[in-house]
Every structure is written in C-alpha cells, then in structure tokens.
Amino acid sequence: MNLLLFSTQDRIDSNRIRITDFRLRHLHEVIESAEGDSLRVGEIDGLMGYGEIIKLAADEAVLQVELTKQPPQKVPLQIILALPRPKMLRRILRTVAELGVAELHLINSNRVEKSFWQTPVLDSEVVEDYFLQGLMQSRDTLLPELHIHKRFKPFVEDTLPGLIENRNALLAHPGDFPACPAGMEVPTTLAIGPEGGFIPYEVEKLQQTGFTTVSLGPRILRVENAVSALVARLSI
C-alpha cells in the first residue's frame, strides 16, 4: 500500500481521519508504524497529501491529514473488454486502476460464458475494492468508471458510435494486422476480445462502427497480459 486511501466516512473533522479496518492492520503489521510517523494519504476521488499518526491503538488509528496535491492525470483511454473469467477479471480491475485507465466497458461476446455474468466480482462493492487496490498501489485517488453491457449487438449499434466520436478507435485482435501504434495523440478507445479473440461477425461489426484492427504480434497473450501490454504501448 503506497497510498493510504480514505473516504468521507473516515473523517472525524476537516483535518482528522479514523481508520479501523485492513489499513489499520497494515500500519501495525506491514510498515510497523508508530505515533508521530507521517505517511502518504489521499481522499477517494479527491486530493492527496500526508497524514501524521496522532493516535495508534489496537482498535483504531487517528491521523491528522493535509491534502494539497492533485492526483495524477488519467490516461485518455477507454477500454472495451469482453468479460473475462472471474479470476482474471479481479486482476484486470486492479490493473486498469493501477495503470490510470479512465474508463472500462465490459461487454458480451460469443466466447464469453453465460455463467461469467453471475460472478459476485461484478458487484459494485467488490469492483470498487479491486479498483482501490490498484489506486493504492499506484498512488492515485480517482476511481475508473465501469460500465456493463450484457448484449453485444445493441451495444455496438446503439451505444458505441457515441463513445468513439472524436476518438481514435482500435481493435486489438490476433492476426496479420498492422502493429498497435505507440503513444496516443488523441483520446483513444481500445477494444479487446476474450481468449481467442472476437468471432468474425463481431470483428466485422466493430470495424463497421469505425474501429481499426491492430495486432501485438504473432504471440497469443492471455487477456490480462494483453491489457497491460496494450495500455503500456499506447501510453508511451
């Protein structure tokens, strides 16, 4: 935990917070804090700064905080991702937040198993928890936006044209396609399919909507590795 995040519910007053959960255990067991220590803190969707521990007990810690710094800017990137298996989704949610992606859209695909949509990982509180893990790792306070679309065709035909307006739209897909460009000159929307990629019908629909198909090379990557590799490449 490189940044202790807190919410308005943790506030005692304008410059003091109280923590009692896993963050308290982290202070005791991981960084072995003591009263008087200072550490980096940030308010969820707010400013960052430092907090001084003015009380550290077994059941609570109280910090006096001073917030003066803006969080880092988000990467101007929307990711459209075919819903992966739950175990992989957990890691991807953390990664998306850690890499500073602004917006994530989870969509259906022919190769997405119906049971994936029943996973408790999609519960809003669980999603937020994984996003917060990524933010604490990367020292950020701004939660990514998450949108869920359970029907492929209505999403592509009705929602997607508005999402990609005035944006560069890229479809990452295995095959003999041009290499994914390095760096984003304009805000970008990136579509990533399930394991094995989108089926031909889905690729065609995305191309008709305005997506340019690109590749990461001859290797077939796991979805979570493709997300990391593509975001890193586009962020250079």
Protein backbone atom coordinates (compact mmCIF):
# COMPACT_ATOMS: atom_id res chain seq x y z
CA MET A 1 0.00 0.00 0.00
CA ASN A 2 1.85 3.06 -1.30
CA LEU A 3 -1.02 5.42 -0.54
CA LEU A 4 -3.48 5.20 2.36
CA LEU A 5 -6.85 5.99 0.82
CA PHE A 6 -9.79 7.19 2.89
CA SER A 7 -13.37 8.26 2.27
CA THR A 8 -15.64 10.90 3.73
CA GLN A 9 -16.94 8.24 6.15
CA ASP A 10 -13.46 8.06 7.71
CA ARG A 11 -13.39 11.77 8.53
CA ILE A 12 -13.65 12.93 12.14
CA ASP A 13 -13.47 16.58 11.10
CA SER A 14 -11.88 18.69 8.38
CA ASN A 15 -8.32 17.55 9.07
CA ARG A 16 -8.55 14.26 11.02
CA ILE A 17 -9.48 10.74 9.94
CA ARG A 18 -10.03 7.48 11.83
CA ILE A 19 -9.29 4.04 10.36
CA THR A 20 -10.19 0.67 11.87
CA ASP A 21 -10.02 -1.93 9.07
CA PHE A 22 -7.31 -3.58 6.94
CA ARG A 23 -5.50 -0.25 6.72
CA LEU A 24 -5.01 -0.35 10.48
CA ARG A 25 -3.59 -3.87 10.23
CA HIS A 26 -1.25 -2.61 7.52
CA LEU A 27 0.04 0.13 9.81
CA HIS A 28 0.64 -2.36 12.63
CA GLU A 29 1.89 -5.43 10.78
CA VAL A 30 3.43 -4.32 7.48
CA ILE A 31 5.03 -0.93 7.95
CA GLU A 32 5.16 -1.14 11.77
CA SER A 33 4.08 2.47 12.24
CA ALA A 34 4.27 4.48 15.42
CA GLU A 35 2.61 7.63 16.68
CA GLY A 36 4.25 10.64 15.10
CA ASP A 37 5.00 8.84 11.82
CA SER A 38 3.97 10.51 8.56
CA LEU A 39 2.69 8.68 5.50
CA ARG A 40 1.13 9.43 2.14
CA VAL A 41 -2.67 9.67 2.17
CA GLY A 42 -5.38 10.53 -0.29
CA GLU A 43 -9.14 11.01 -0.27
CA ILE A 44 -11.05 8.85 -2.73
CA ASP A 45 -11.83 10.99 -5.80
CA GLY A 46 -10.05 13.89 -4.10
CA LEU A 47 -6.65 15.35 -3.24
CA MET A 48 -3.51 13.65 -1.95
CA GLY A 49 -1.04 14.68 0.73
CA TYR A 50 0.38 13.47 4.02
CA GLY A 51 -1.06 12.24 7.28
CA GLU A 52 0.58 12.24 10.70
CA ILE A 53 -0.41 9.43 13.05
CA ILE A 54 -1.55 11.14 16.24
CA LYS A 55 -3.07 8.01 17.80
CA LEU A 56 -2.26 4.38 17.14
CA ALA A 57 -4.11 1.76 19.17
CA ALA A 58 -5.11 -1.85 18.66
CA ASP A 59 -8.61 -0.88 17.55
CA GLU A 60 -8.09 2.40 15.70
CA ALA A 61 -5.65 4.91 14.27
CA VAL A 62 -6.25 8.63 14.04
CA LEU A 63 -4.33 10.71 11.52
CA GLN A 64 -4.10 14.43 11.03
CA VAL A 65 -4.09 14.99 7.28
CA GLU A 66 -3.07 17.79 4.97
CA LEU A 67 -4.15 17.40 1.36
CA THR A 68 -2.51 19.73 -1.17
CA LYS A 69 -1.69 17.66 -4.25
CA GLN A 70 -3.77 16.73 -7.27
CA PRO A 71 -3.80 13.05 -8.26
CA PRO A 72 -2.03 12.05 -11.47
CA GLN A 73 -3.94 12.58 -14.70
CA LYS A 74 -5.81 9.61 -16.10
CA VAL A 75 -4.68 8.02 -19.34
CA PRO A 76 -7.10 9.30 -22.04
CA LEU A 77 -8.18 5.74 -22.79
CA GLN A 78 -11.45 3.84 -22.81
CA ILE A 79 -11.14 0.06 -22.75
CA ILE A 80 -13.91 -2.10 -24.16
CA LEU A 81 -13.29 -5.61 -22.88
CA ALA A 82 -15.16 -8.85 -23.44
CA LEU A 83 -15.99 -10.09 -19.95
CA PRO A 84 -13.17 -12.44 -18.85
CA ARG A 85 -13.39 -15.31 -16.39
CA PRO A 86 -13.87 -14.06 -12.79
CA LYS A 87 -10.38 -14.92 -11.55
CA MET A 88 -8.86 -12.94 -14.41
CA LEU A 89 -11.37 -10.11 -14.01
CA ARG A 90 -10.15 -9.48 -10.46
CA ARG A 91 -6.60 -8.94 -11.69
CA ILE A 92 -7.71 -6.81 -14.63
CA LEU A 93 -9.75 -4.48 -12.42
CA ARG A 94 -6.67 -3.86 -10.27
CA THR A 95 -4.50 -3.38 -13.34
CA VAL A 96 -6.88 -0.93 -15.00
CA ALA A 97 -6.88 1.26 -11.91
CA GLU A 98 -3.15 0.90 -11.40
CA LEU A 99 -2.34 1.96 -14.97
CA GLY A 100 -4.57 5.02 -14.79
CA VAL A 101 -7.22 3.98 -17.32
CA ALA A 102 -10.16 6.36 -17.16
CA GLU A 103 -13.00 4.12 -18.28
CA LEU A 104 -13.73 0.40 -18.62
CA HIS A 105 -16.65 -1.13 -20.51
CA LEU A 106 -17.32 -4.84 -20.01
CA ILE A 107 -19.25 -6.36 -22.90
CA ASN A 108 -20.64 -9.68 -24.02
CA SER A 109 -19.18 -11.81 -26.79
CA ASN A 110 -19.91 -15.19 -28.36
CA ARG A 111 -16.95 -16.66 -26.45
CA VAL A 112 -18.00 -15.24 -23.08
CA GLU A 113 -19.57 -17.97 -20.95
CA LYS A 114 -23.02 -17.02 -19.65
CA SER A 115 -22.02 -18.02 -16.13
CA PHE A 116 -19.40 -15.25 -16.06
CA TRP A 117 -22.19 -12.66 -15.76
CA GLN A 118 -23.29 -14.20 -12.45
CA THR A 119 -19.96 -13.68 -10.72
CA PRO A 120 -20.03 -11.67 -7.46
CA VAL A 121 -16.90 -9.91 -8.74
CA LEU A 122 -19.28 -7.66 -10.70
CA ASP A 123 -20.97 -6.44 -7.51
CA SER A 124 -20.32 -2.72 -7.17
CA GLU A 125 -18.64 -3.01 -3.75
CA VAL A 126 -16.32 -5.78 -4.98
CA VAL A 127 -15.41 -3.82 -8.10
CA GLU A 128 -14.61 -0.76 -6.02
CA ASP A 129 -12.43 -2.81 -3.69
CA TYR A 130 -10.28 -4.06 -6.58
CA PHE A 131 -10.11 -0.58 -8.10
CA LEU A 132 -8.97 0.79 -4.73
CA GLN A 133 -6.23 -1.83 -4.52
CA GLY A 134 -4.89 -0.59 -7.84
CA LEU A 135 -5.11 3.05 -6.78
CA MET A 136 -3.27 2.43 -3.51
CA GLN A 137 -0.50 0.68 -5.40
CA SER A 138 -0.03 3.45 -7.96
CA ARG A 139 -0.70 6.47 -5.69
CA ASP A 140 -3.90 7.68 -7.29
CA THR A 141 -7.28 8.66 -5.85
CA LEU A 142 -9.56 8.77 -8.90
CA LEU A 143 -11.68 5.68 -9.43
CA PRO A 144 -12.08 4.48 -13.01
CA GLU A 145 -15.59 4.45 -14.45
CA LEU A 146 -17.07 0.98 -15.03
CA HIS A 147 -19.93 0.29 -17.45
CA ILE A 148 -21.52 -3.12 -18.07
CA HIS A 149 -23.20 -4.11 -21.34
CA LYS A 150 -24.70 -7.61 -21.46
CA ARG A 151 -25.81 -7.58 -25.12
CA PHE A 152 -23.22 -7.23 -27.85
CA LYS A 153 -25.27 -6.07 -30.84
CA PRO A 154 -27.28 -3.30 -29.09
CA PHE A 155 -24.08 -2.02 -27.50
CA VAL A 156 -22.20 -1.86 -30.81
CA GLU A 157 -25.07 -0.40 -32.81
CA ASP A 158 -26.63 1.99 -30.30
CA THR A 159 -24.01 2.93 -27.68
CA LEU A 160 -20.60 2.54 -29.26
CA PRO A 161 -20.90 5.18 -32.03
CA GLY A 162 -21.37 7.88 -29.39
CA LEU A 163 -18.49 6.56 -27.28
CA ILE A 164 -15.95 6.72 -30.09
CA GLU A 165 -16.99 10.07 -31.53
CA ASN A 166 -13.88 12.26 -31.92
CA ARG A 167 -11.71 9.41 -30.64
CA ASN A 168 -9.22 7.03 -32.20
CA ALA A 169 -10.83 3.55 -32.16
CA LEU A 170 -8.55 0.48 -32.14
CA LEU A 171 -9.47 -3.20 -32.12
CA ALA A 172 -6.69 -5.45 -30.81
CA HIS A 173 -7.11 -8.81 -32.49
CA PRO A 174 -4.83 -11.79 -33.28
CA GLY A 175 -3.82 -11.99 -36.94
CA ASP A 176 -1.88 -10.34 -39.72
CA PHE A 177 -2.76 -6.74 -38.92
CA PRO A 178 -0.67 -3.56 -38.53
CA ALA A 179 1.15 -3.21 -35.24
CA CYS A 180 -0.59 -1.34 -32.46
CA PRO A 181 0.69 2.24 -32.57
CA ALA A 182 2.89 3.55 -29.79
CA GLY A 183 1.54 6.56 -27.97
CA MET A 184 -1.86 8.25 -28.06
CA GLU A 185 -2.02 11.50 -29.98
CA VAL A 186 -5.76 11.80 -29.31
CA PRO A 187 -8.13 10.18 -26.83
CA THR A 188 -8.45 6.51 -27.74
CA THR A 189 -10.94 3.68 -27.39
CA LEU A 190 -9.41 0.20 -27.32
CA ALA A 191 -11.43 -2.98 -27.83
CA ILE A 192 -10.04 -6.30 -26.55
CA GLY A 193 -11.78 -9.62 -27.07
CA PRO A 194 -11.99 -12.77 -24.97
CA GLU A 195 -9.48 -15.63 -25.01
CA GLY A 196 -9.01 -16.41 -28.71
CA GLY A 197 -10.38 -13.03 -29.80
CA PHE A 198 -13.76 -11.91 -31.09
CA ILE A 199 -15.52 -14.13 -33.63
CA PRO A 200 -15.50 -12.89 -37.28
CA TYR A 201 -19.04 -11.45 -37.03
CA GLU A 202 -18.05 -9.37 -34.00
CA VAL A 203 -14.85 -8.18 -35.66
CA GLU A 204 -16.83 -7.09 -38.70
CA LYS A 205 -19.38 -5.20 -36.58
CA LEU A 206 -16.64 -3.34 -34.74
CA GLN A 207 -14.87 -2.50 -37.99
CA GLN A 208 -18.13 -1.22 -39.49
CA THR A 209 -18.54 1.04 -36.45
CA GLY A 210 -15.16 2.63 -37.12
CA PHE A 211 -12.51 0.51 -35.42
CA THR A 212 -9.09 -0.06 -36.97
CA THR A 213 -7.78 -3.57 -36.33
CA VAL A 214 -4.26 -3.80 -34.88
CA SER A 215 -2.02 -6.53 -33.52
CA LEU A 216 0.57 -7.08 -30.81
CA GLY A 217 2.46 -9.55 -32.98
CA PRO A 218 2.35 -13.30 -33.58
CA ARG A 219 2.08 -14.35 -29.92
CA ILE A 220 -1.34 -15.07 -28.42
CA LEU A 221 -1.45 -13.43 -24.99
CA ARG A 222 -3.70 -14.01 -22.03
CA VAL A 223 -6.30 -11.25 -21.82
CA GLU A 224 -4.79 -9.79 -18.65
CA ASN A 225 -1.34 -9.62 -20.29
CA ALA A 226 -2.80 -8.12 -23.45
CA VAL A 227 -4.47 -5.38 -21.40
CA SER A 228 -1.18 -4.48 -19.68
CA ALA A 229 0.85 -4.63 -22.89
CA LEU A 230 -1.58 -2.55 -24.91
CA VAL A 231 -2.06 0.14 -22.27
CA ALA A 232 1.70 0.40 -21.81
CA ARG A 233 2.27 0.66 -25.56
CA LEU A 234 -0.40 3.30 -26.05
CA SER A 235 0.88 5.29 -23.07
CA ILE A 236 4.46 5.61 -24.33
